[in-house]
Amino acid sequence: MGAEIVEKGIVLKAQDGRVVVGVKRMVRGSFGRITVRTTKLYADDSRRISSVGDTVVVRFTHPISSSKRWRLIEVVTKAGTAVEGVRNA
């Protein structure tokens, strides 16, 4: 049985050796309305390779501290380097 891996998480907050990763999911409500929920994951970033706004991959691991249960694997895209859709004015 492999470890759970979450791709496409966005770094919400970066502190010294810890990042808060937000994972968005869509939930259908009681009247059929679709809402977006964000789950916060506290991940270990001992190498300090991520910053706020980066898209990252995290993996579930053993408890590292009282809140950290995830480990940062890689940074997929850095903040500000992703090519956005350009509109013609």
Protein backbone atom coordinates (compact mmCIF):
# COMPACT_ATOMS: atom_id res chain seq x y z
CA MET A 1 0.00 0.00 0.00
CA GLY A 2 1.54 3.29 -1.12
CA ALA A 3 1.47 6.66 0.57
CA GLU A 4 -1.22 9.16 -0.35
CA ILE A 5 0.09 11.86 -2.71
CA VAL A 6 -1.66 15.17 -3.38
CA GLU A 7 -0.76 17.02 -6.56
CA LYS A 8 -1.68 20.59 -7.51
CA GLY A 9 -1.72 22.06 -4.02
CA ILE A 10 -1.18 25.82 -3.68
CA VAL A 11 1.11 27.15 -0.93
CA LEU A 12 -0.94 29.51 1.23
CA LYS A 13 1.68 30.36 3.83
CA ALA A 14 5.40 29.63 4.09
CA GLN A 15 7.17 29.73 7.44
CA ASP A 16 10.52 28.49 8.68
CA GLY A 17 10.53 24.82 7.64
CA ARG A 18 6.74 24.57 7.35
CA VAL A 19 4.27 25.35 4.58
CA VAL A 20 0.48 25.43 4.58
CA VAL A 21 -0.86 23.86 1.38
CA GLY A 22 -4.42 24.48 0.24
CA VAL A 23 -6.20 21.78 -1.77
CA LYS A 24 -9.45 22.77 -3.41
CA ARG A 25 -12.34 20.38 -4.01
CA MET A 26 -15.86 20.83 -5.30
CA VAL A 27 -18.79 19.77 -3.10
CA ARG A 28 -22.45 19.52 -4.06
CA GLY A 29 -24.73 21.09 -1.46
CA SER A 30 -28.21 20.07 -0.34
CA PHE A 31 -30.00 22.03 -3.10
CA GLY A 32 -27.61 21.03 -5.88
CA ARG A 33 -25.42 24.12 -5.60
CA ILE A 34 -21.72 23.44 -6.13
CA THR A 35 -19.32 25.12 -3.73
CA VAL A 36 -15.54 25.07 -3.53
CA ARG A 37 -14.00 23.92 -0.25
CA THR A 38 -10.34 24.33 0.65
CA THR A 39 -8.54 21.81 2.85
CA LYS A 40 -5.40 23.04 4.63
CA LEU A 41 -2.49 20.60 4.87
CA TYR A 42 0.52 21.38 7.06
CA ALA A 43 3.64 20.09 5.30
CA ASP A 44 7.34 19.91 6.20
CA ASP A 45 9.65 21.98 3.98
CA SER A 46 13.03 21.45 5.61
CA ARG A 47 14.85 22.32 2.37
CA ARG A 48 12.94 25.66 2.13
CA ILE A 49 12.36 25.37 -1.63
CA SER A 50 8.81 26.73 -1.78
CA SER A 51 7.24 30.15 -1.41
CA VAL A 52 3.71 31.55 -1.31
CA GLY A 53 1.76 30.89 -4.51
CA ASP A 54 3.77 27.88 -5.71
CA THR A 55 2.03 24.74 -6.97
CA VAL A 56 3.47 21.76 -5.08
CA VAL A 57 3.22 17.99 -4.60
CA VAL A 58 2.94 16.68 -1.02
CA ARG A 59 2.97 13.14 0.39
CA PHE A 60 1.35 11.81 3.57
CA THR A 61 3.92 10.60 6.10
CA HIS A 62 4.38 9.80 9.78
CA PRO A 63 3.76 12.61 12.29
CA ILE A 64 6.65 15.06 12.15
CA SER A 65 5.25 17.45 14.77
CA SER A 66 1.90 18.14 16.43
CA SER A 67 0.40 19.52 13.20
CA LYS A 68 2.65 18.38 10.34
CA ARG A 69 1.62 15.09 8.71
CA TRP A 70 2.69 15.85 5.12
CA ARG A 71 6.09 16.20 3.45
CA LEU A 72 6.86 18.44 0.47
CA ILE A 73 8.06 16.36 -2.49
CA GLU A 74 8.55 18.87 -5.29
CA VAL A 75 7.57 22.29 -6.59
CA VAL A 76 5.68 21.93 -9.88
CA THR A 77 5.49 25.63 -10.80
CA LYS A 78 6.94 28.65 -9.03
CA ALA A 79 4.73 31.67 -8.31
CA GLY A 80 4.61 34.12 -11.20
CA THR A 81 6.26 31.82 -13.77
CA ALA A 82 3.10 30.05 -14.95
CA VAL A 83 1.91 31.28 -18.32
CA GLU A 84 -1.54 32.81 -17.93
CA GLY A 85 -4.09 33.13 -20.70
CA VAL A 86 -3.51 36.44 -22.45
CA ARG A 87 -6.53 38.41 -23.68
CA ASN A 88 -6.38 40.61 -26.74
CA ALA A 89 -7.70 44.07 -25.95
